[in-house]
């Protein structure tokens, strides 16, 4: 608790405007500019006009229009992308009033909408932004077989609607011990978990019947579908991916079988034992949002590894890092720190940076807008006073949608 309070107090040292009214005309200049769309640019410039990037290149050949605000840093990167989190639903107080990431009243609740619980003014949202995170894929977390929906949001905005980029992004499911019930309640075993998941999908499929013929007596099929059925129909129709958190190899294989059986889009989450199943995961074509490397390695994480990212990359499996969900305060990790550990365990620095920028954006389907510094993309930029993965470096500024929303006092 004391450490969490200290970290949040440090984050408060940022001058922050969480909901800027208008985009600025701004240029960011860096000794190194990591665009993630090409080679690193030495002494580079990113020009942002009306919230969008309009020019990127060497300072010598990329003019800055008159009147533009200029900010400088040693290292410039795209705004960081947290590929899976519960921030905004889980809050730093760790009390009933700020813990909305899990409803325990039923094991299968795909109808729960993250946007209805997201608090853009939660201190942890500002805390992550202070480390350069500008986009989060967040929502309902572990603890239930199907815990609800996820959303994609920017880390600015006074309302959930203002922050949201994608109000409904995926449906979150969980396999393994974290989603098992006790005291004789279902699901009590892994087999029951899978049976209940299959049944939810089959029930949704059964409800997709042709319109009743004229003059036919109304029947059960004419009843309006439930919110649960509608959500699972969207999964069946591949409008929404099913995000399945599975860490043990046996649970990962169950998720892959479910994808094959129903032809759904599946994103594998957590995947602590993914290094044991690289051939199977590669053949399935799924993308992986890998557990945070520094996750405590016990229970279903006992075979997790700092180097799993490098194993997946060598196998050609698309992956990104996440902050995930933490049951203890401060309730969230920071992807910048997690990627730094991966950069010391098999990934190059550029590969690790990609896993929290452009690769993360691709996996959550937002790479046309965020994840790299390229003309036409959102003006989201993180500024550092040194190598972002060095412990002694600091985030000295954050630009979101073309507005300088965080700066350290100079």
Protein backbone atom coordinates (compact mmCIF):
# COMPACT_ATOMS: atom_id res chain seq x y z
CA UNK A 1 0.00 0.00 0.00
CA UNK A 2 2.78 2.44 0.92
CA UNK A 3 4.60 1.72 -2.36
CA UNK A 4 1.41 2.20 -4.36
CA UNK A 5 0.70 5.50 -2.61
CA UNK A 6 4.23 6.69 -3.31
CA UNK A 7 3.98 5.78 -6.97
CA UNK A 8 0.66 7.58 -7.33
CA UNK A 9 2.04 10.59 -5.52
CA UNK A 10 4.96 10.66 -7.94
CA UNK A 11 2.56 10.53 -10.84
CA UNK A 12 0.78 13.54 -9.38
CA UNK A 13 3.96 15.52 -10.12
CA UNK A 14 2.86 15.66 -13.74
CA UNK A 15 0.96 18.73 -14.88
CA UNK A 16 -2.07 17.09 -16.47
CA UNK A 17 -5.02 18.20 -18.56
CA UNK A 18 -7.15 15.07 -18.89
CA UNK A 19 -9.68 16.42 -21.36
CA UNK A 20 -8.25 19.06 -23.68
CA UNK A 21 -10.89 20.94 -25.59
CA UNK A 22 -8.95 21.55 -28.77
CA UNK A 23 -5.95 19.96 -30.44
CA UNK A 24 -2.80 22.06 -30.53
CA UNK A 25 -0.39 22.84 -33.33
CA UNK A 26 2.64 21.07 -31.95
CA UNK A 27 5.98 19.69 -33.09
CA UNK A 28 7.98 17.10 -31.14
CA UNK A 29 11.73 17.00 -31.70
CA UNK A 30 13.92 14.17 -30.47
CA UNK A 31 17.55 13.16 -30.65
CA UNK A 32 16.13 9.71 -31.43
CA UNK A 33 12.67 9.24 -32.92
CA UNK A 34 11.43 5.66 -32.92
CA UNK A 35 8.61 5.80 -35.45
CA UNK A 36 7.92 2.02 -35.43
CA UNK A 37 7.15 2.49 -39.12
CA UNK A 38 10.76 2.48 -40.29
CA UNK A 39 14.32 3.04 -39.08
CA UNK A 40 15.08 5.18 -36.04
CA UNK A 41 15.47 8.83 -37.08
CA UNK A 42 18.41 10.69 -35.57
CA UNK A 43 17.49 14.29 -34.75
CA UNK A 44 13.93 13.82 -35.93
CA UNK A 45 10.71 15.81 -35.87
CA UNK A 46 7.04 14.82 -35.58
CA UNK A 47 4.66 17.57 -36.68
CA UNK A 48 1.06 17.37 -35.44
CA UNK A 49 -1.77 19.55 -36.73
CA UNK A 50 -5.39 19.34 -35.54
CA UNK A 51 -4.71 16.13 -33.63
CA UNK A 52 -3.14 14.24 -36.53
CA UNK A 53 0.46 13.65 -37.60
CA UNK A 54 1.17 15.63 -40.77
CA UNK A 55 4.94 15.13 -41.09
CA UNK A 56 7.69 12.87 -39.72
CA UNK A 57 11.35 13.04 -40.67
CA UNK A 58 14.83 14.41 -40.01
CA UNK A 59 14.86 17.92 -38.59
CA UNK A 60 17.06 19.08 -41.46
CA UNK A 61 14.38 18.26 -44.04
CA UNK A 62 11.15 18.49 -42.04
CA UNK A 63 10.18 22.12 -41.53
CA UNK A 64 8.20 23.16 -38.48
CA UNK A 65 5.47 25.65 -39.44
CA UNK A 66 5.57 29.06 -37.85
CA UNK A 67 3.63 29.38 -34.63
CA UNK A 68 3.80 25.69 -33.70
CA UNK A 69 4.66 24.82 -30.11
CA UNK A 70 7.93 22.86 -30.02
CA UNK A 71 8.75 20.31 -27.32
CA UNK A 72 12.00 18.39 -27.19
CA UNK A 73 13.21 15.10 -25.73
CA UNK A 74 16.17 12.76 -25.90
CA UNK A 75 13.99 9.88 -27.11
CA UNK A 76 10.58 10.05 -28.79
CA UNK A 77 8.28 7.08 -29.33
CA UNK A 78 4.64 6.54 -30.29
CA UNK A 79 2.22 6.69 -27.40
CA UNK A 80 2.35 3.29 -25.71
CA UNK A 81 -0.50 0.80 -26.21
CA UNK A 82 -1.57 -1.43 -23.32
CA UNK A 83 -3.00 -4.49 -25.09
CA UNK A 84 -5.07 -5.72 -22.13
CA UNK A 85 -5.90 -4.13 -18.82
CA UNK A 86 -8.71 -3.64 -16.34
CA UNK A 87 -7.73 -0.06 -15.51
CA UNK A 88 -10.67 2.29 -15.27
CA UNK A 89 -12.83 -0.57 -13.99
CA UNK A 90 -10.40 -1.58 -11.25
CA UNK A 91 -9.26 1.39 -9.19
CA UNK A 92 -6.31 2.05 -6.93
CA UNK A 93 -8.33 2.24 -3.70
CA UNK A 94 -9.02 -1.52 -3.90
CA UNK A 95 -12.41 -1.03 -2.27
CA UNK A 96 -15.91 -2.05 -3.28
CA UNK A 97 -16.76 1.28 -4.88
CA UNK A 98 -13.87 1.18 -7.37
CA UNK A 99 -13.76 -2.53 -8.27
CA UNK A 100 -16.08 -3.03 -11.25
CA UNK A 101 -13.99 -5.46 -13.29
CA UNK A 102 -15.87 -8.54 -12.03
CA UNK A 103 -19.50 -9.36 -11.22
CA UNK A 104 -19.79 -12.65 -9.36
CA UNK A 105 -23.57 -13.05 -9.58
CA UNK A 106 -23.35 -15.48 -12.54
CA UNK A 107 -20.54 -17.37 -14.31
CA UNK A 108 -21.51 -16.33 -17.85
CA UNK A 109 -22.22 -12.63 -18.43
CA UNK A 110 -21.04 -11.53 -21.89
CA UNK A 111 -23.63 -8.74 -21.86
CA UNK A 112 -21.77 -6.62 -19.29
CA UNK A 113 -20.40 -3.56 -21.06
CA UNK A 114 -17.07 -2.13 -20.01
CA UNK A 115 -18.07 1.36 -21.05
CA UNK A 116 -20.85 1.32 -18.41
CA UNK A 117 -18.26 0.81 -15.67
CA UNK A 118 -15.24 2.70 -17.04
CA UNK A 119 -14.12 5.68 -14.97
CA UNK A 120 -11.87 7.95 -17.09
CA UNK A 121 -11.04 10.00 -13.99
CA UNK A 122 -9.67 7.01 -12.08
CA UNK A 123 -6.21 7.92 -10.73
CA UNK A 124 -4.68 4.81 -12.32
CA UNK A 125 -5.61 6.03 -15.80
CA UNK A 126 -3.61 9.21 -15.22
CA UNK A 127 -0.84 7.15 -13.63
CA UNK A 128 -0.44 4.99 -16.75
CA UNK A 129 -0.59 8.07 -18.96
CA UNK A 130 2.27 9.50 -16.94
CA UNK A 131 4.43 6.61 -18.17
CA UNK A 132 3.57 7.23 -21.82
CA UNK A 133 0.51 4.96 -22.18
CA UNK A 134 -1.98 6.71 -24.45
CA UNK A 135 -4.26 3.82 -25.50
CA UNK A 136 -5.67 1.01 -23.35
CA UNK A 137 -7.67 -2.09 -24.22
CA UNK A 138 -9.51 -2.51 -20.95
CA UNK A 139 -12.59 -4.11 -19.47
CA UNK A 140 -13.87 -7.02 -17.45
CA UNK A 141 -11.24 -9.26 -15.97
CA UNK A 142 -10.58 -12.74 -14.55
CA UNK A 143 -12.70 -14.53 -11.98
CA UNK A 144 -15.67 -15.64 -14.08
CA UNK A 145 -16.07 -17.96 -17.06
CA UNK A 146 -17.34 -15.08 -19.22
CA UNK A 147 -16.84 -11.85 -17.32
CA UNK A 148 -18.06 -9.28 -19.83
CA UNK A 149 -16.93 -7.02 -22.63
CA UNK A 150 -13.83 -4.95 -23.23
CA UNK A 151 -13.36 -1.50 -24.76
CA UNK A 152 -10.52 0.51 -26.28
CA UNK A 153 -9.95 3.99 -24.92
CA UNK A 154 -7.52 6.86 -24.92
CA UNK A 155 -6.14 7.82 -21.52
CA UNK A 156 -7.79 11.25 -21.70
CA UNK A 157 -11.39 12.41 -21.51
CA UNK A 158 -13.80 13.38 -18.73
CA UNK A 159 -16.40 10.80 -19.78
CA UNK A 160 -16.22 7.21 -20.91
CA UNK A 161 -17.83 8.19 -24.19
CA UNK A 162 -15.20 10.86 -24.83
CA UNK A 163 -12.37 8.45 -24.01
CA UNK A 164 -13.70 5.48 -25.99
CA UNK A 165 -12.27 4.62 -29.39
CA UNK A 166 -14.15 1.32 -29.58
CA UNK A 167 -16.99 0.99 -27.02
CA UNK A 168 -17.24 -2.80 -27.50
CA UNK A 169 -14.02 -4.49 -28.55
CA UNK A 170 -14.05 -8.14 -27.41
CA UNK A 171 -15.87 -10.55 -25.11
CA UNK A 172 -13.65 -11.67 -22.22
CA UNK A 173 -13.64 -15.34 -21.17
CA UNK A 174 -11.42 -17.15 -18.69
CA UNK A 175 -10.28 -20.77 -18.45
CA UNK A 176 -8.48 -22.47 -15.60
CA UNK A 177 -8.48 -22.07 -11.82
CA UNK A 178 -9.23 -18.34 -11.74
CA UNK A 179 -12.68 -19.01 -13.22
CA UNK A 180 -13.62 -22.10 -11.22
CA UNK A 181 -16.42 -21.87 -8.66
CA UNK A 182 -16.49 -23.51 -5.24
CA UNK A 183 -19.05 -24.98 -2.85
CA UNK A 184 -20.66 -27.15 -5.53
CA UNK A 185 -21.40 -24.25 -7.88
CA UNK A 186 -20.68 -24.39 -11.61
CA UNK A 187 -18.21 -24.48 -13.19
CA UNK A 188 -16.36 -26.67 -10.73
CA UNK A 189 -14.03 -28.34 -13.22
CA UNK A 190 -12.29 -27.53 -16.47
CA UNK A 191 -14.64 -29.88 -18.36
CA UNK A 192 -17.62 -27.98 -16.99
CA UNK A 193 -16.05 -24.68 -18.05
CA UNK A 194 -15.80 -25.84 -21.63
CA UNK A 195 -19.28 -27.38 -21.60
CA UNK A 196 -20.78 -24.10 -20.38
CA UNK A 197 -18.88 -22.08 -22.98
CA UNK A 198 -20.03 -24.40 -25.75
CA UNK A 199 -23.60 -24.24 -24.49
CA UNK A 200 -23.59 -20.44 -24.49
CA UNK A 201 -22.43 -20.44 -28.11
CA UNK A 202 -24.90 -23.16 -29.11
CA UNK A 203 -27.78 -21.31 -27.45
CA UNK A 204 -26.89 -18.18 -29.36
CA UNK A 205 -26.65 -20.14 -32.62
CA UNK A 206 -30.03 -21.81 -32.01
CA UNK A 207 -31.65 -18.42 -31.65
CA UNK A 208 -30.56 -17.41 -35.14
CA UNK A 209 -33.69 -18.72 -36.87
CA UNK A 210 -35.44 -17.46 -40.01
CA UNK A 211 -38.29 -15.02 -39.53
CA UNK A 212 -41.61 -16.73 -38.81
CA UNK A 213 -43.87 -17.29 -41.77
CA UNK A 214 -46.93 -15.09 -42.14
CA UNK A 215 -49.83 -16.47 -40.11
CA UNK A 216 -47.67 -18.85 -38.09
CA UNK A 217 -48.34 -19.09 -34.38
CA UNK A 218 -45.81 -17.25 -32.26
CA UNK A 219 -43.33 -19.55 -30.60
CA UNK A 220 -40.26 -19.42 -28.41
CA UNK A 221 -38.17 -18.30 -31.38
CA UNK A 222 -40.26 -15.12 -31.60
CA UNK A 223 -39.24 -13.96 -28.14
CA UNK A 224 -36.76 -11.08 -28.18
CA UNK A 225 -33.19 -12.33 -27.65
CA UNK A 226 -31.47 -11.66 -24.35
CA UNK A 227 -28.47 -9.36 -24.10
CA UNK A 228 -26.36 -12.44 -23.37
CA UNK A 229 -27.53 -14.10 -26.58
CA UNK A 230 -26.90 -10.98 -28.64
CA UNK A 231 -23.33 -10.72 -27.35
CA UNK A 232 -22.56 -14.35 -28.13
CA UNK A 233 -24.15 -14.00 -31.57
CA UNK A 234 -21.66 -11.24 -32.28
CA UNK A 235 -18.88 -13.66 -31.35
CA UNK A 236 -20.33 -16.33 -33.65
CA UNK A 237 -20.65 -13.80 -36.47
CA UNK A 238 -17.02 -12.79 -35.91
CA UNK A 239 -18.07 -9.23 -35.18
CA UNK A 240 -16.36 -9.53 -31.81
CA UNK A 241 -13.33 -11.70 -30.98
CA UNK A 242 -13.49 -13.94 -27.94
CA UNK A 243 -10.61 -12.96 -25.66
CA UNK A 244 -9.73 -16.11 -23.75
CA UNK A 245 -7.42 -15.87 -20.77
CA UNK A 246 -5.69 -19.26 -20.49
CA UNK A 247 -2.29 -19.91 -18.94
CA UNK A 248 -1.88 -23.66 -18.57
CA UNK A 249 -1.11 -25.61 -21.74
CA UNK A 250 -4.26 -27.72 -21.29
CA UNK A 251 -6.42 -24.56 -21.08
CA UNK A 252 -4.70 -23.03 -24.11
CA UNK A 253 -5.50 -26.18 -26.09
CA UNK A 254 -9.14 -26.05 -24.96
CA UNK A 255 -9.36 -22.47 -26.24
CA UNK A 256 -7.87 -23.50 -29.59
CA UNK A 257 -10.37 -26.36 -29.88
CA UNK A 258 -13.23 -23.95 -29.22
CA UNK A 259 -12.00 -21.70 -32.01
CA UNK A 260 -11.87 -24.64 -34.41
CA UNK A 261 -15.30 -25.98 -33.41
CA UNK A 262 -17.18 -22.72 -33.84
CA UNK A 263 -15.05 -20.86 -36.39
CA UNK A 264 -14.79 -17.81 -34.15
CA UNK A 265 -12.09 -15.17 -33.94
CA UNK A 266 -10.07 -15.88 -30.82
CA UNK A 267 -7.37 -13.85 -29.11
CA UNK A 268 -5.30 -15.81 -26.62
CA UNK A 269 -4.59 -13.92 -23.41
CA UNK A 270 -2.09 -14.61 -20.64
CA UNK A 271 -0.64 -17.75 -22.24
CA UNK A 272 2.00 -18.37 -19.59
CA UNK A 273 2.78 -21.80 -21.07
CA UNK A 274 2.61 -20.67 -24.70
CA UNK A 275 6.26 -21.61 -25.14
CA UNK A 276 5.21 -25.27 -24.79
CA UNK A 277 2.71 -25.00 -27.67
CA UNK A 278 4.30 -22.80 -30.31
CA UNK A 279 3.47 -25.18 -33.19
CA UNK A 280 -0.18 -25.48 -32.17
CA UNK A 281 -0.61 -21.75 -31.61
CA UNK A 282 1.12 -20.93 -34.88
CA UNK A 283 -1.09 -23.38 -36.80
CA UNK A 284 -4.26 -21.93 -35.27
CA UNK A 285 -3.45 -18.42 -36.50
CA UNK A 286 -4.42 -16.79 -33.21
CA UNK A 287 -2.79 -13.68 -31.81
CA UNK A 288 -1.43 -13.62 -28.28
CA UNK A 289 -1.62 -10.92 -25.63
CA UNK A 290 1.13 -12.29 -23.44
CA UNK A 291 1.17 -12.13 -19.65
CA UNK A 292 3.19 -9.33 -18.11
CA UNK A 293 6.74 -10.78 -17.85
CA UNK A 294 7.08 -9.83 -14.17
CA UNK A 295 3.87 -11.60 -13.17
CA UNK A 296 4.48 -13.56 -9.97
CA UNK A 297 5.40 -17.06 -11.07
CA UNK A 298 3.27 -19.34 -8.94
CA UNK A 299 0.08 -21.36 -9.43
CA UNK A 300 -0.96 -21.36 -13.07
CA UNK A 301 1.95 -18.98 -13.75
CA UNK A 302 4.61 -21.31 -12.38
CA UNK A 303 5.95 -21.97 -15.89
CA UNK A 304 5.82 -18.35 -17.02
CA UNK A 305 9.06 -16.89 -18.29
CA UNK A 306 10.71 -13.55 -18.97
CA UNK A 307 11.75 -14.91 -22.36
CA UNK A 308 8.41 -16.22 -23.71
CA UNK A 309 8.11 -13.16 -25.95
CA UNK A 310 11.35 -14.01 -27.71
CA UNK A 311 10.17 -17.62 -28.17
CA UNK A 312 6.91 -16.47 -29.76
CA UNK A 313 8.71 -13.97 -31.97
CA UNK A 314 11.11 -16.65 -33.20
CA UNK A 315 8.10 -18.85 -34.01
CA UNK A 316 6.43 -16.06 -36.00
CA UNK A 317 3.46 -15.76 -33.62
CA UNK A 318 2.01 -12.21 -33.34
CA UNK A 319 2.06 -11.06 -29.72
CA UNK A 320 1.96 -8.00 -27.51
CA UNK A 321 2.46 -7.27 -23.84
CA UNK A 322 -0.16 -6.17 -21.37
CA UNK A 323 -0.49 -4.82 -17.85
CA UNK A 324 -3.21 -7.35 -17.05
CA UNK A 325 -5.05 -7.51 -13.74
CA UNK A 326 -3.50 -7.45 -10.29
CA UNK A 327 -5.52 -8.43 -7.22
CA UNK A 328 -3.32 -6.24 -5.02
CA UNK A 329 -2.61 -2.51 -5.13
CA UNK A 330 -1.81 -0.57 -7.21
CA UNK A 331 -4.07 -2.90 -9.28
CA UNK A 332 -2.18 -2.50 -12.53
CA UNK A 333 1.28 -3.00 -13.96
CA UNK A 334 2.98 -0.67 -16.46
CA UNK A 335 3.73 -2.07 -19.92
CA UNK A 336 6.83 0.11 -20.21
CA UNK A 337 8.46 -1.75 -17.32
CA UNK A 338 7.28 -5.15 -18.54
CA UNK A 339 8.71 -4.60 -22.02
CA UNK A 340 11.99 -3.47 -20.47
CA UNK A 341 12.33 -6.87 -18.79
CA UNK A 342 11.61 -8.60 -22.12
CA UNK A 343 14.30 -6.45 -23.76
CA UNK A 344 16.79 -7.97 -21.34
CA UNK A 345 15.58 -11.50 -22.00
CA UNK A 346 15.79 -12.32 -25.68
CA UNK A 347 14.10 -9.43 -27.46
CA UNK A 348 15.95 -6.49 -28.94
CA UNK A 349 14.96 -3.08 -27.60
CA UNK A 350 13.13 -2.29 -30.82
CA UNK A 351 11.24 -5.60 -30.72
CA UNK A 352 10.23 -4.99 -27.11
CA UNK A 353 9.11 -1.47 -27.97
CA UNK A 354 7.07 -2.86 -30.87
CA UNK A 355 5.29 -5.20 -28.44
CA UNK A 356 3.85 -2.17 -26.60
CA UNK A 357 3.28 0.04 -29.65
CA UNK A 358 2.62 -1.11 -33.21
CA UNK A 359 2.30 -4.86 -32.48
CA UNK A 360 -0.12 -4.16 -29.64
CA UNK A 361 -2.10 -1.83 -31.89
CA UNK A 362 -2.34 -4.52 -34.59
CA UNK A 363 -3.61 -7.15 -32.17
CA UNK A 364 -6.42 -4.92 -30.88
CA UNK A 365 -7.23 -3.74 -34.40
CA UNK A 366 -6.17 -0.09 -33.95
CA UNK A 367 -2.99 0.05 -36.04
CA UNK A 368 -4.58 2.40 -38.58
CA UNK A 369 -4.76 5.05 -35.86
CA UNK A 370 -2.15 4.37 -33.16
CA UNK A 371 1.03 2.45 -32.48
CA UNK A 372 3.43 4.23 -34.84
CA UNK A 373 4.43 7.73 -35.86
CA UNK A 374 3.20 8.08 -39.43
CA UNK A 375 1.36 10.71 -41.44
CA UNK A 376 -2.38 10.53 -40.89
CA UNK A 377 -2.26 8.75 -37.55
CA UNK A 378 -3.39 10.14 -34.21
CA UNK A 379 -0.99 12.59 -32.63
CA UNK A 380 -0.02 10.33 -29.72
CA UNK A 381 3.61 10.66 -28.63
CA UNK A 382 5.69 9.74 -25.57
CA UNK A 383 8.80 11.74 -24.66
CA UNK A 384 11.70 10.42 -22.58
CA UNK A 385 14.91 11.93 -21.21
CA UNK A 386 16.84 8.76 -22.05
CA UNK A 387 16.44 5.14 -23.11
CA UNK A 388 12.82 4.32 -22.17
CA UNK A 389 13.88 0.90 -20.89
CA UNK A 390 16.57 2.22 -18.54
CA UNK A 391 15.50 2.43 -14.91
CA UNK A 392 17.04 5.89 -14.49
CA UNK A 393 15.13 7.39 -17.46
CA UNK A 394 11.94 9.39 -17.07
CA UNK A 395 8.84 10.13 -19.11
CA UNK A 396 9.03 13.90 -19.47
CA UNK A 397 5.98 14.49 -21.64
CA UNK A 398 2.96 12.83 -23.23
CA UNK A 399 0.97 14.03 -26.23
CA UNK A 400 -2.50 12.58 -26.82
CA UNK A 401 -4.59 13.55 -29.83
CA UNK A 402 -2.20 16.38 -30.55
CA UNK A 403 -2.34 17.91 -27.08
CA UNK A 404 0.51 18.00 -24.57
CA UNK A 405 -1.38 16.51 -21.62
CA UNK A 406 1.50 15.60 -19.30
CA UNK A 407 4.80 17.32 -18.63
CA UNK A 408 7.29 17.11 -15.80
CA UNK A 409 8.12 20.37 -14.05
CA UNK A 410 11.45 21.72 -15.25
